Amino acid sequence: MSKNTIPLRDELLQLAAQTEDDQRLAGACLVLRGEADTIIWADETEQLLRRPNAPA
């Protein structure tokens, strides 16, 4: 490996690590969004179940 390719290699390795971290972060965000959707759905369901029945 020449002196010119070492900085390029290091930069590419750093970019690869950052991309991997970004992908993990994106995956974690998807999980959190799913959890938030579940909580919202459960809250809406609970509110529907607590409504008094309309008179017949």
PDB file of N, CA and C in Angstrom:
ATOM      1  N   MET A   1       0.850  -1.168   0.000  1.00  0.00           N
ATOM      2  CA  MET A   1       0.000   0.000   0.000  1.00  0.00           C
ATOM      3  C   MET A   1       0.899   1.235   0.000  1.00  0.00           C
ATOM      4  N   SER A   2       0.618   2.153  -0.884  1.00  0.00           N
ATOM      5  CA  SER A   2       1.459   3.343  -0.983  1.00  0.00           C
ATOM      6  C   SER A   2       1.028   4.392   0.039  1.00  0.00           C
ATOM      7  N   LYS A   3       1.876   5.382   0.194  1.00  0.00           N
ATOM      8  CA  LYS A   3       1.564   6.468   1.128  1.00  0.00           C
ATOM      9  C   LYS A   3       0.310   7.223   0.700  1.00  0.00           C
ATOM     10  N   ASN A   4       0.025   7.219  -0.583  1.00  0.00           N
ATOM     11  CA  ASN A   4      -1.152   7.937  -1.081  1.00  0.00           C
ATOM     12  C   ASN A   4      -2.446   7.186  -0.797  1.00  0.00           C
ATOM     13  N   THR A   5      -2.380   5.873  -0.736  1.00  0.00           N
ATOM     14  CA  THR A   5      -3.611   5.101  -0.552  1.00  0.00           C
ATOM     15  C   THR A   5      -3.995   4.927   0.915  1.00  0.00           C
ATOM     16  N   ILE A   6      -3.057   5.108   1.821  1.00  0.00           N
ATOM     17  CA  ILE A   6      -3.358   4.935   3.247  1.00  0.00           C
ATOM     18  C   ILE A   6      -4.415   5.933   3.728  1.00  0.00           C
ATOM     19  N   PRO A   7      -4.291   7.237   3.435  1.00  0.00           N
ATOM     20  CA  PRO A   7      -5.356   8.162   3.866  1.00  0.00           C
ATOM     21  C   PRO A   7      -6.707   7.831   3.230  1.00  0.00           C
ATOM     22  N   LEU A   8      -6.679   7.419   1.977  1.00  0.00           N
ATOM     23  CA  LEU A   8      -7.924   7.052   1.307  1.00  0.00           C
ATOM     24  C   LEU A   8      -8.545   5.836   1.973  1.00  0.00           C
ATOM     25  N   ARG A   9      -7.716   4.841   2.288  1.00  0.00           N
ATOM     26  CA  ARG A   9      -8.220   3.649   2.973  1.00  0.00           C
ATOM     27  C   ARG A   9      -8.830   4.023   4.313  1.00  0.00           C
ATOM     28  N   ASP A  10      -8.126   4.853   5.077  1.00  0.00           N
ATOM     29  CA  ASP A  10      -8.624   5.263   6.392  1.00  0.00           C
ATOM     30  C   ASP A  10      -9.945   6.017   6.276  1.00  0.00           C
ATOM     31  N   GLU A  11     -10.044   6.879   5.269  1.00  0.00           N
ATOM     32  CA  GLU A  11     -11.282   7.631   5.060  1.00  0.00           C
ATOM     33  C   GLU A  11     -12.428   6.701   4.685  1.00  0.00           C
ATOM     34  N   LEU A  12     -12.148   5.717   3.841  1.00  0.00           N
ATOM     35  CA  LEU A  12     -13.182   4.763   3.450  1.00  0.00           C
ATOM     36  C   LEU A  12     -13.624   3.907   4.628  1.00  0.00           C
ATOM     37  N   LEU A  13     -12.686   3.497   5.466  1.00  0.00           N
ATOM     38  CA  LEU A  13     -13.039   2.718   6.654  1.00  0.00           C
ATOM     39  C   LEU A  13     -13.895   3.543   7.613  1.00  0.00           C
ATOM     40  N   GLN A  14     -13.546   4.814   7.767  1.00  0.00           N
ATOM     41  CA  GLN A  14     -14.332   5.690   8.639  1.00  0.00           C
ATOM     42  C   GLN A  14     -15.734   5.885   8.071  1.00  0.00           C
ATOM     43  N   LEU A  15     -15.836   6.074   6.769  1.00  0.00           N
ATOM     44  CA  LEU A  15     -17.138   6.235   6.128  1.00  0.00           C
ATOM     45  C   LEU A  15     -17.975   4.969   6.267  1.00  0.00           C
ATOM     46  N   ALA A  16     -17.336   3.815   6.126  1.00  0.00           N
ATOM     47  CA  ALA A  16     -18.048   2.545   6.285  1.00  0.00           C
ATOM     48  C   ALA A  16     -18.586   2.400   7.706  1.00  0.00           C
ATOM     49  N   ALA A  17     -17.788   2.759   8.698  1.00  0.00           N
ATOM     50  CA  ALA A  17     -18.227   2.671  10.096  1.00  0.00           C
ATOM     51  C   ALA A  17     -19.380   3.635  10.358  1.00  0.00           C
ATOM     52  N   GLN A  18     -19.291   4.843   9.804  1.00  0.00           N
ATOM     53  CA  GLN A  18     -20.361   5.830   9.991  1.00  0.00           C
ATOM     54  C   GLN A  18     -21.647   5.347   9.338  1.00  0.00           C
ATOM     55  N   THR A  19     -21.530   4.769   8.149  1.00  0.00           N
ATOM     56  CA  THR A  19     -22.707   4.256   7.448  1.00  0.00           C
ATOM     57  C   THR A  19     -23.352   3.142   8.248  1.00  0.00           C
ATOM     58  N   GLU A  20     -22.532   2.263   8.814  1.00  0.00           N
ATOM     59  CA  GLU A  20     -23.059   1.174   9.636  1.00  0.00           C
ATOM     60  C   GLU A  20     -23.792   1.732  10.853  1.00  0.00           C
ATOM     61  N   ASP A  21     -23.207   2.742  11.498  1.00  0.00           N
ATOM     62  CA  ASP A  21     -23.858   3.375  12.650  1.00  0.00           C
ATOM     63  C   ASP A  21     -25.175   4.022  12.232  1.00  0.00           C
ATOM     64  N   ASP A  22     -25.179   4.682  11.077  1.00  0.00           N
ATOM     65  CA  ASP A  22     -26.402   5.320  10.588  1.00  0.00           C
ATOM     66  C   ASP A  22     -27.485   4.280  10.321  1.00  0.00           C
ATOM     67  N   GLN A  23     -27.098   3.125   9.793  1.00  0.00           N
ATOM     68  CA  GLN A  23     -28.068   2.069   9.524  1.00  0.00           C
ATOM     69  C   GLN A  23     -28.633   1.514  10.824  1.00  0.00           C
ATOM     70  N   ARG A  24     -27.786   1.362  11.819  1.00  0.00           N
ATOM     71  CA  ARG A  24     -28.267   0.902  13.129  1.00  0.00           C
ATOM     72  C   ARG A  24     -29.224   1.923  13.727  1.00  0.00           C
ATOM     73  N   LEU A  25     -28.867   3.196  13.601  1.00  0.00           N
ATOM     74  CA  LEU A  25     -29.720   4.256  14.121  1.00  0.00           C
ATOM     75  C   LEU A  25     -31.057   4.271  13.391  1.00  0.00           C
ATOM     76  N   ALA A  26     -31.015   4.101  12.082  1.00  0.00           N
ATOM     77  CA  ALA A  26     -32.257   4.065  11.305  1.00  0.00           C
ATOM     78  C   ALA A  26     -33.115   2.875  11.733  1.00  0.00           C
ATOM     79  N   GLY A  27     -32.475   1.733  11.964  1.00  0.00           N
ATOM     80  CA  GLY A  27     -33.207   0.555  12.433  1.00  0.00           C
ATOM     81  C   GLY A  27     -33.840   0.791  13.791  1.00  0.00           C
ATOM     82  N   ALA A  28     -33.096   1.427  14.679  1.00  0.00           N
ATOM     83  CA  ALA A  28     -33.626   1.727  16.012  1.00  0.00           C
ATOM     84  C   ALA A  28     -34.798   2.702  15.918  1.00  0.00           C
ATOM     85  N   CYS A  29     -34.705   3.675  15.012  1.00  0.00           N
ATOM     86  CA  CYS A  29     -35.807   4.632  14.831  1.00  0.00           C
ATOM     87  C   CYS A  29     -37.063   3.922  14.341  1.00  0.00           C
ATOM     88  N   LEU A  30     -36.902   2.964  13.441  1.00  0.00           N
ATOM     89  CA  LEU A  30     -38.061   2.207  12.961  1.00  0.00           C
ATOM     90  C   LEU A  30     -38.721   1.443  14.098  1.00  0.00           C
ATOM     91  N   VAL A  31     -37.909   0.846  14.958  1.00  0.00           N
ATOM     92  CA  VAL A  31     -38.449   0.115  16.108  1.00  0.00           C
ATOM     93  C   VAL A  31     -39.205   1.073  17.028  1.00  0.00           C
ATOM     94  N   LEU A  32     -38.612   2.231  17.301  1.00  0.00           N
ATOM     95  CA  LEU A  32     -39.262   3.203  18.186  1.00  0.00           C
ATOM     96  C   LEU A  32     -40.557   3.728  17.586  1.00  0.00           C
ATOM     97  N   ARG A  33     -40.570   3.957  16.281  1.00  0.00           N
ATOM     98  CA  ARG A  33     -41.807   4.401  15.630  1.00  0.00           C
ATOM     99  C   ARG A  33     -42.883   3.327  15.740  1.00  0.00           C
ATOM    100  N   GLY A  34     -42.487   2.082  15.569  1.00  0.00           N
ATOM    101  CA  GLY A  34     -43.443   0.979  15.716  1.00  0.00           C
ATOM    102  C   GLY A  34     -44.006   0.917  17.121  1.00  0.00           C
ATOM    103  N   GLU A  35     -43.141   1.100  18.112  1.00  0.00           N
ATOM    104  CA  GLU A  35     -43.596   1.101  19.503  1.00  0.00           C
ATOM    105  C   GLU A  35     -44.545   2.268  19.759  1.00  0.00           C
ATOM    106  N   ALA A  36     -44.222   3.431  19.221  1.00  0.00           N
ATOM    107  CA  ALA A  36     -45.094   4.595  19.394  1.00  0.00           C
ATOM    108  C   ALA A  36     -46.455   4.342  18.757  1.00  0.00           C
ATOM    109  N   ASP A  37     -46.460   3.750  17.569  1.00  0.00           N
ATOM    110  CA  ASP A  37     -47.730   3.423  16.908  1.00  0.00           C
ATOM    111  C   ASP A  37     -48.557   2.464  17.753  1.00  0.00           C
ATOM    112  N   THR A  38     -47.894   1.487  18.363  1.00  0.00           N
ATOM    113  CA  THR A  38     -48.590   0.518  19.210  1.00  0.00           C
ATOM    114  C   THR A  38     -49.202   1.209  20.425  1.00  0.00           C
ATOM    115  N   ILE A  39     -48.456   2.118  21.033  1.00  0.00           N
ATOM    116  CA  ILE A  39     -48.958   2.841  22.205  1.00  0.00           C
ATOM    117  C   ILE A  39     -50.152   3.703  21.820  1.00  0.00           C
ATOM    118  N   ILE A  40     -50.056   4.396  20.693  1.00  0.00           N
ATOM    119  CA  ILE A  40     -51.171   5.240  20.233  1.00  0.00           C
ATOM    120  C   ILE A  40     -52.396   4.380  19.950  1.00  0.00           C
ATOM    121  N   TRP A  41     -52.200   3.256  19.271  1.00  0.00           N
ATOM    122  CA  TRP A  41     -53.311   2.356  18.957  1.00  0.00           C
ATOM    123  C   TRP A  41     -53.964   1.844  20.240  1.00  0.00           C
ATOM    124  N   ALA A  42     -53.153   1.455  21.221  1.00  0.00           N
ATOM    125  CA  ALA A  42     -53.691   0.947  22.487  1.00  0.00           C
ATOM    126  C   ALA A  42     -54.477   2.035  23.213  1.00  0.00           C
ATOM    127  N   ASP A  43     -53.964   3.259  23.199  1.00  0.00           N
ATOM    128  CA  ASP A  43     -54.660   4.365  23.854  1.00  0.00           C
ATOM    129  C   ASP A  43     -55.995   4.643  23.173  1.00  0.00           C
ATOM    130  N   GLU A  44     -56.003   4.659  21.846  1.00  0.00           N
ATOM    131  CA  GLU A  44     -57.255   4.891  21.117  1.00  0.00           C
ATOM    132  C   GLU A  44     -58.262   3.773  21.387  1.00  0.00           C
ATOM    133  N   THR A  45     -57.776   2.545  21.447  1.00  0.00           N
ATOM    134  CA  THR A  45     -58.657   1.406  21.730  1.00  0.00           C
ATOM    135  C   THR A  45     -59.239   1.520  23.130  1.00  0.00           C
ATOM    136  N   GLU A  46     -58.396   1.884  24.094  1.00  0.00           N
ATOM    137  CA  GLU A  46     -58.876   2.041  25.469  1.00  0.00           C
ATOM    138  C   GLU A  46     -59.937   3.131  25.552  1.00  0.00           C
ATOM    139  N   GLN A  47     -59.730   4.236  24.860  1.00  0.00           N
ATOM    140  CA  GLN A  47     -60.725   5.313  24.870  1.00  0.00           C
ATOM    141  C   GLN A  47     -62.049   4.844  24.275  1.00  0.00           C
ATOM    142  N   LEU A  48     -61.990   4.067  23.206  1.00  0.00           N
ATOM    143  CA  LEU A  48     -63.220   3.538  22.607  1.00  0.00           C
ATOM    144  C   LEU A  48     -63.945   2.604  23.566  1.00  0.00           C
ATOM    145  N   LEU A  49     -63.182   1.776  24.269  1.00  0.00           N
ATOM    146  CA  LEU A  49     -63.790   0.813  25.186  1.00  0.00           C
ATOM    147  C   LEU A  49     -64.386   1.493  26.419  1.00  0.00           C
ATOM    148  N   ARG A  50     -63.890   2.656  26.790  1.00  0.00           N
ATOM    149  CA  ARG A  50     -64.384   3.360  27.979  1.00  0.00           C
ATOM    150  C   ARG A  50     -65.604   4.227  27.690  1.00  0.00           C
ATOM    151  N   ARG A  51     -65.940   4.401  26.435  1.00  0.00           N
ATOM    152  CA  ARG A  51     -67.120   5.217  26.110  1.00  0.00           C
ATOM    153  C   ARG A  51     -68.380   4.541  26.635  1.00  0.00           C
ATOM    154  N   PRO A  52     -69.237   5.340  27.240  1.00  0.00           N
ATOM    155  CA  PRO A  52     -70.504   4.736  27.695  1.00  0.00           C
ATOM    156  C   PRO A  52     -71.342   4.337  26.478  1.00  0.00           C
ATOM    157  N   ASN A  53     -72.079   3.277  26.656  1.00  0.00           N
ATOM    158  CA  ASN A  53     -72.948   2.823  25.560  1.00  0.00           C
ATOM    159  C   ASN A  53     -74.052   3.839  25.320  1.00  0.00           C
ATOM    160  N   ALA A  54     -74.353   4.060  24.064  1.00  0.00           N
ATOM    161  CA  ALA A  54     -75.445   4.990  23.716  1.00  0.00           C
ATOM    162  C   ALA A  54     -76.772   4.362  24.125  1.00  0.00           C
ATOM    163  N   PRO A  55     -77.728   5.181  24.593  1.00  0.00           N
ATOM    164  CA  PRO A  55     -79.036   4.614  24.977  1.00  0.00           C
ATOM    165  C   PRO A  55     -79.732   3.982  23.775  1.00  0.00           C
ATOM    166  N   ALA A  56     -80.392   2.878  24.027  1.00  0.00           N
ATOM    167  CA  ALA A  56     -81.059   2.149  22.938  1.00  0.00           C
ATOM    168  C   ALA A  56     -82.366   2.756  22.552  1.00  0.00           C
TER     169      ALA A  56
END
